[in-house]
Protein backbone atom coordinates (compact mmCIF):
# COMPACT_ATOMS: atom_id res chain seq x y z
CA MET A 1 110.58 191.55 112.36
CA ARG A 2 109.90 188.97 115.05
CA SER A 3 106.30 189.78 114.94
CA ARG A 4 105.96 189.21 111.04
CA LEU A 5 107.57 185.86 111.58
CA MET A 6 105.15 184.64 114.14
CA LEU A 7 102.14 186.12 112.32
CA LYS A 8 103.52 183.99 108.91
CA THR A 9 104.39 180.73 110.56
CA PRO A 10 100.98 179.52 111.32
CA GLN A 11 100.20 180.06 107.38
CA LEU A 12 103.13 178.13 106.29
CA LYS A 13 102.27 175.05 109.06
CA ALA A 14 98.59 174.81 108.08
CA PRO A 15 99.07 173.17 104.60
CA LEU A 16 101.48 170.87 105.85
CA LEU A 17 99.32 169.84 109.04
CA LYS A 18 96.33 169.46 106.65
CA ALA A 19 98.36 167.05 104.47
CA LEU A 20 99.50 164.93 107.53
CA CYS A 21 95.79 164.71 108.60
CA TYR A 22 95.01 163.27 105.13
CA LEU A 23 98.06 160.85 105.13
CA ALA A 24 96.99 159.76 108.80
CA LEU A 25 93.28 159.24 107.71
CA PHE A 26 94.55 157.27 104.48
CA ALA A 27 96.91 154.93 106.74
CA ALA A 28 93.88 154.39 109.01
CA PHE A 29 91.57 153.01 106.42
CA ALA A 30 94.03 151.73 103.82
CA PRO A 31 93.47 148.05 102.62
CA ALA A 32 95.72 145.49 103.60
CA PRO A 33 98.84 145.04 101.33
CA ALA A 34 97.83 143.64 98.02
CA GLY A 35 100.00 140.46 98.49
CA ALA A 36 97.83 139.38 101.75
CA GLN A 37 94.41 140.51 100.34
CA ASN A 38 93.56 137.53 98.32
CA PHE A 39 96.16 135.28 99.90
CA PRO A 40 96.40 132.43 99.05
CA ALA A 41 95.74 132.68 95.45
CA ARG A 42 97.81 129.64 94.29
CA PRO A 43 99.08 126.48 95.81
CA LEU A 44 101.55 126.40 98.81
CA HIS A 45 104.72 124.29 99.03
CA LEU A 46 105.33 122.84 102.71
CA ILE A 47 109.00 121.61 102.57
CA VAL A 48 109.80 118.68 104.59
CA PRO A 49 113.63 118.49 105.18
CA PHE A 50 113.76 114.89 105.55
CA ALA A 51 112.88 111.92 103.20
CA ALA A 52 109.59 110.83 102.35
CA GLY A 53 107.97 108.37 104.78
CA GLY A 54 109.68 109.51 108.20
CA PRO A 55 108.03 110.74 111.09
CA VAL A 56 107.85 114.46 110.19
CA ASP A 57 106.48 113.58 106.74
CA LEU A 58 103.85 111.21 108.30
CA ILE A 59 102.48 114.41 109.99
CA ALA A 60 103.10 116.79 107.60
CA ARG A 61 101.05 115.21 104.90
CA PRO A 62 97.65 115.04 107.02
CA PHE A 63 98.41 118.44 108.23
CA ALA A 64 98.73 119.65 104.60
CA GLU A 65 95.42 118.14 103.80
CA LYS A 66 93.68 119.71 106.45
CA MET A 67 95.34 123.11 105.56
CA THR A 68 94.27 122.69 102.08
CA GLU A 69 90.60 122.47 103.08
CA THR A 70 91.21 125.63 105.31
CA LEU A 71 92.82 127.72 102.98
CA GLY A 72 91.06 126.77 99.79
CA GLN A 73 94.37 126.17 97.88
CA PRO A 74 96.36 123.09 97.72
CA MET A 75 99.31 122.67 100.17
CA VAL A 76 101.94 120.25 98.36
CA VAL A 77 104.21 118.53 100.40
CA GLU A 78 107.84 118.27 99.23
CA ASN A 79 110.50 116.33 100.76
CA MET A 80 114.00 117.87 100.52
CA GLY A 81 116.21 115.61 102.95
CA GLY A 82 120.02 115.53 103.33
CA GLY A 83 122.54 117.68 104.86
CA GLY A 84 121.18 117.36 108.24
CA THR A 85 117.90 119.29 107.27
CA ILE A 86 120.32 122.04 105.94
CA ILE A 87 119.06 121.49 102.37
CA GLY A 88 115.57 121.91 102.84
CA THR A 89 115.89 124.55 105.62
CA ASP A 90 118.21 126.73 103.20
CA HIS A 91 115.61 126.29 100.50
CA VAL A 92 112.73 128.08 102.48
CA ALA A 93 115.17 130.44 104.04
CA LYS A 94 116.06 131.71 100.35
CA ALA A 95 112.34 131.34 99.06
CA ALA A 96 110.31 134.48 98.26
CA PRO A 97 108.80 136.14 101.66
CA ASP A 98 105.18 135.61 100.34
CA GLY A 99 103.94 132.92 102.39
CA TYR A 100 103.82 130.22 99.52
CA THR A 101 107.11 128.41 100.49
CA LEU A 102 106.95 127.16 104.19
CA LEU A 103 109.34 124.89 106.38
CA VAL A 104 107.94 121.95 108.86
CA THR A 105 110.75 122.18 111.63
CA SER A 106 112.11 119.60 113.85
CA ALA A 107 114.57 119.53 116.62
CA ALA A 108 117.15 118.92 113.95
CA VAL A 109 116.55 122.29 112.74
CA MET A 110 116.98 123.71 116.33
CA ILE A 111 120.47 121.68 116.64
CA VAL A 112 122.18 122.75 113.54
CA PRO A 113 122.95 126.15 115.08
CA SER A 114 124.94 124.57 117.65
CA SER A 115 126.56 121.71 115.76
CA TYR A 116 127.51 123.17 112.41
CA PRO A 117 130.56 125.70 112.35
CA LYS A 118 129.04 127.58 109.32
CA LEU A 119 125.34 127.67 107.93
CA PRO A 120 124.05 129.23 105.03
CA PHE A 121 121.26 130.80 107.18
CA ASP A 122 120.41 131.81 110.42
CA VAL A 123 117.23 129.93 112.05
CA ILE A 124 116.25 133.17 114.05
CA LYS A 125 117.09 135.98 111.81
CA ASP A 126 116.13 134.27 108.12
CA PHE A 127 112.58 132.95 109.43
CA ALA A 128 109.58 133.99 110.57
CA PRO A 129 107.74 131.65 112.77
CA VAL A 130 103.99 130.98 112.07
CA SER A 131 103.00 128.52 115.04
CA VAL A 132 104.00 125.59 116.80
CA MET A 133 102.56 122.27 115.12
CA SER A 134 103.03 119.31 117.35
CA SER A 135 104.76 117.50 119.91
CA SER A 136 105.50 113.56 119.93
CA THR A 137 107.51 110.86 121.71
CA ILE A 138 110.81 109.63 120.92
CA VAL A 139 111.41 105.92 121.29
CA LEU A 140 114.59 103.57 121.28
CA VAL A 141 113.91 100.74 118.93
CA ALA A 142 115.99 97.67 118.02
CA ASP A 143 116.66 94.89 115.72
CA PRO A 144 114.28 92.17 117.23
CA LYS A 145 116.67 89.85 116.31
CA LEU A 146 119.37 91.02 118.62
CA PRO A 147 119.72 89.56 122.10
CA PHE A 148 118.64 92.15 124.36
CA ARG A 149 115.09 93.59 125.21
CA THR A 150 116.05 96.25 127.97
CA VAL A 151 118.34 98.90 128.21
CA PRO A 152 120.47 97.23 130.69
CA GLU A 153 120.73 94.31 128.41
CA LEU A 154 121.49 96.44 125.63
CA VAL A 155 124.20 98.20 127.44
CA ALA A 156 125.83 94.81 128.62
CA TYR A 157 125.73 93.61 125.15
CA ALA A 158 127.46 96.75 123.85
CA LYS A 159 130.31 96.45 126.46
CA ALA A 160 130.75 92.82 125.75
CA ASN A 161 131.04 93.48 121.92
CA PRO A 162 132.43 97.02 121.76
CA GLY A 163 131.90 98.64 118.08
CA LYS A 164 129.67 95.95 117.10
CA LEU A 165 126.54 97.78 117.84
CA SER A 166 125.32 100.62 115.37
CA PHE A 167 122.66 103.31 115.66
CA GLY A 168 120.85 105.05 112.83
CA SER A 169 119.28 108.33 112.55
CA SER A 170 117.69 110.56 110.04
CA GLY A 171 120.67 112.87 109.74
CA THR A 172 123.74 114.05 111.39
CA GLY A 173 123.34 116.56 113.79
CA GLY A 174 119.79 115.52 114.54
CA SER A 175 117.82 114.68 117.49
CA LEU A 176 117.94 111.24 116.77
CA HIS A 177 121.57 111.25 116.12
CA LEU A 178 122.22 113.12 119.39
CA GLY A 179 120.10 110.77 121.26
CA GLY A 180 122.46 107.81 120.35
CA GLU A 181 125.47 110.08 121.13
CA MET A 182 123.93 110.74 124.71
CA LEU A 183 123.43 106.97 125.32
CA ASN A 184 127.03 106.28 124.32
CA LEU A 185 128.40 109.25 126.81
CA MET A 186 125.77 108.13 129.79
CA ALA A 187 126.00 104.48 129.52
CA GLY A 188 129.73 104.43 128.49
CA ILE A 189 129.46 102.34 125.49
CA GLU A 190 130.84 102.28 121.84
CA THR A 191 128.01 102.20 119.27
CA THR A 192 128.65 103.51 115.66
CA HIS A 193 126.37 106.21 114.03
CA ILE A 194 125.04 105.49 110.61
CA PRO A 195 123.15 108.70 109.15
CA TYR A 196 120.64 108.67 106.71
CA LYS A 197 118.43 111.30 104.66
CA GLY A 198 115.31 110.50 106.97
CA ALA A 199 114.25 107.99 109.54
CA ALA A 200 112.14 105.92 106.94
CA PRO A 201 115.33 104.34 105.44
CA ALA A 202 116.97 103.95 108.58
CA LEU A 203 114.07 102.22 109.90
CA THR A 204 114.06 100.01 106.78
CA ASP A 205 117.73 98.89 107.70
CA ILE A 206 116.76 97.96 111.16
CA MET A 207 114.18 95.61 110.06
CA GLY A 208 116.56 94.40 107.43
CA GLY A 209 119.25 93.81 110.31
CA HIS A 210 121.52 96.16 108.50
CA VAL A 211 121.41 98.50 111.58
CA SER A 212 121.14 97.68 115.30
CA MET A 213 118.84 100.39 116.62
CA MET A 214 117.87 104.09 116.72
CA PHE A 215 115.97 106.82 118.52
CA VAL A 216 112.89 107.63 116.41
CA SER A 217 109.61 109.50 116.71
CA MET A 218 106.50 107.30 117.96
CA ALA A 219 104.69 108.31 114.69
CA ALA A 220 107.05 105.82 112.90
CA VAL A 221 107.31 103.26 115.68
CA LEU A 222 103.96 102.19 116.56
CA PRO A 223 102.80 100.03 113.47
CA LEU A 224 106.33 98.47 113.21
CA SER A 225 106.33 97.85 116.94
CA THR A 226 103.13 96.46 116.86
CA SER A 227 103.84 93.80 114.25
CA GLY A 228 107.09 92.76 115.77
CA LYS A 229 109.35 94.51 112.81
CA VAL A 230 111.04 96.43 115.44
CA ARG A 231 111.42 96.24 119.33
CA ALA A 232 110.58 99.09 121.67
CA ILE A 233 113.52 99.49 124.34
CA ALA A 234 112.48 102.64 125.95
CA VAL A 235 110.85 105.93 125.37
CA ALA A 236 113.14 109.23 125.79
CA SER A 237 110.41 111.04 127.35
CA LEU A 238 110.37 111.86 131.35
CA LYS A 239 107.04 110.07 131.46
CA PRO A 240 105.98 106.68 129.88
CA ALA A 241 104.00 106.67 126.78
CA ALA A 242 100.31 105.49 127.23
CA ALA A 243 100.67 103.78 123.30
CA LEU A 244 103.51 101.98 124.54
CA PRO A 245 102.40 100.36 127.95
CA GLY A 246 105.43 98.53 129.93
CA VAL A 247 107.91 100.40 127.88
CA PRO A 248 110.16 102.45 130.53
CA THR A 249 111.89 105.74 130.27
CA MET A 250 115.42 106.34 129.56
CA ASP A 251 115.20 108.57 132.35
CA SER A 252 114.68 105.67 134.94
CA PHE A 253 117.79 104.22 133.89
CA TYR A 254 119.97 107.52 133.11
CA PRO A 255 118.24 110.67 135.19
CA GLY A 256 118.03 113.40 133.14
CA PHE A 257 118.07 111.55 129.61
CA GLU A 258 115.43 113.22 127.67
CA VAL A 259 115.09 113.67 123.79
CA THR A 260 111.94 115.48 122.45
CA ALA A 261 110.41 115.86 119.03
CA GLY A 262 108.56 119.23 118.48
CA ASN A 263 107.37 120.65 115.24
CA ALA A 264 106.74 124.07 113.97
CA VAL A 265 105.94 125.79 110.75
CA LEU A 266 108.26 128.63 109.71
CA ALA A 267 107.95 131.24 106.93
CA PRO A 268 111.03 133.01 104.99
CA ALA A 269 111.72 136.24 106.80
CA LYS A 270 110.01 139.40 105.70
CA THR A 271 107.17 137.49 104.89
CA PRO A 272 104.20 140.48 105.49
CA ARG A 273 102.51 140.08 108.80
CA PRO A 274 98.86 140.01 107.28
CA ILE A 275 100.09 136.78 105.47
CA ILE A 276 101.60 135.12 108.76
CA THR A 277 98.53 136.01 110.76
CA ARG A 278 96.17 134.33 107.98
CA LEU A 279 98.63 131.23 107.93
CA ASN A 280 98.26 131.20 111.87
CA GLN A 281 94.66 131.47 111.80
CA ALA A 282 94.51 128.57 109.41
CA MET A 283 96.95 126.44 111.31
CA ALA A 284 94.87 126.98 114.63
CA LYS A 285 91.67 126.06 112.83
CA ALA A 286 93.12 122.87 111.05
CA LEU A 287 95.08 121.80 114.13
CA GLY A 288 91.98 122.27 116.13
CA THR A 289 89.67 119.81 114.04
CA GLN A 290 89.08 116.56 115.85
CA ASP A 291 89.84 114.63 112.95
CA LEU A 292 93.38 115.87 112.73
CA LYS A 293 93.77 115.60 116.42
CA ASP A 294 92.79 111.87 116.34
CA ARG A 295 95.07 111.12 113.05
CA PHE A 296 97.88 112.53 114.99
CA ALA A 297 97.08 110.85 118.11
CA LYS A 298 97.07 107.48 116.47
CA SER A 299 100.75 108.02 115.73
CA GLY A 300 101.58 109.36 119.30
CA VAL A 301 101.67 112.72 118.27
CA GLU A 302 99.91 115.94 120.07
CA ALA A 303 98.28 118.66 117.77
CA LEU A 304 99.30 121.96 118.82
CA SER A 305 98.88 125.82 117.91
CA THR A 306 100.27 128.73 119.12
CA THR A 307 100.69 132.53 118.05
CA PRO A 308 103.73 133.80 116.08
CA GLU A 309 105.31 135.16 119.12
CA GLU A 310 105.19 132.21 121.25
CA ALA A 311 106.47 129.93 118.26
CA ALA A 312 109.49 132.37 117.99
CA ALA A 313 110.10 131.89 121.86
CA ASP A 314 109.87 128.28 121.35
CA VAL A 315 112.42 128.20 118.49
CA ARG A 316 114.84 130.44 120.54
CA ASN A 317 114.30 128.28 123.72
CA GLU A 318 114.87 124.94 121.69
CA ILE A 319 117.97 126.35 120.26
CA ALA A 320 119.40 127.25 123.48
CA ARG A 321 118.28 123.77 124.99
CA TRP A 322 119.97 121.82 122.38
CA GLY A 323 122.84 124.09 122.54
CA LYS A 324 123.77 122.74 125.83
CA VAL A 325 123.08 119.04 124.97
CA VAL A 326 125.73 119.46 121.79
CA LYS A 327 128.34 120.96 124.28
CA ALA A 328 127.80 118.16 126.86
CA ILE A 329 128.69 115.53 124.30
CA ASN A 330 131.55 117.70 122.36
CA PHE A 331 129.54 117.43 119.06
CA VAL A 332 130.73 119.29 115.96
CA ALA A 333 129.26 118.34 112.47
CA THR A 334 131.64 117.47 109.77
CA ASP A 335 129.18 116.53 107.04
């Protein structure tokens, strides 16, 4: 009985092994998923979770132009401001995972997981990072009609006039908002936060004398500072900015004071890897062109590109870093 079973076993296994070999060969030589073969076959939508004209918008548009050339399909920029970036971010999180709807992140997107008790998405689980895109310097600017030109003069004025100064931001819970709260905490002053749906309308109100000051990306500051429409008080990076000679760092007054602005491109989670790879390659090519580097540099922005894995690590690190800041100032978003 035992010998019969042993004789029959190879005959039963042979067809199965043969079928498995065919399957292995098919898998090895099978074409890429249908969705990735001809990607992109139609226009792509790049969601900016801020109002038009702000710092993120200012770099997203030339980037989209270069990506249009690289991909051979239009990349359309759509502004979805509001909710401290939550509205635009949630739109992309729930979009079809086909690579046609993408998100430009900012520090604000990395802050909301720590500052909002409940979110309709998970920044880590609901997105597939494509690449880091850029890095830029944050600047503290003020209404030039106000009687201070330096950080010590600003602090002295705020202490002599408690509650009189206000600071704008591109939205509650963003890096620009937290920069203002950090100044309040570290300088021991009281200034009122005025949130907007983007940096552009906040800057407009500073120039109009309706808001006293704000932290904002250099991309939006340089032309206004040069023309005297706003006054650059200090940069929030640890090193001085070459584009703003003579403007000191916040760190030189309050050690450890740093507010950074980095941008990345994310796709919805479950976007096929071949599509992520195609987008990553296109980003590397676009961001590597001298034309785009020069356009970014004029606004104090450095063009960067990374692998998807590096971008994912950057997202995790930024969420953890901003979480410490949120805890330090004891901030909880309510709107």
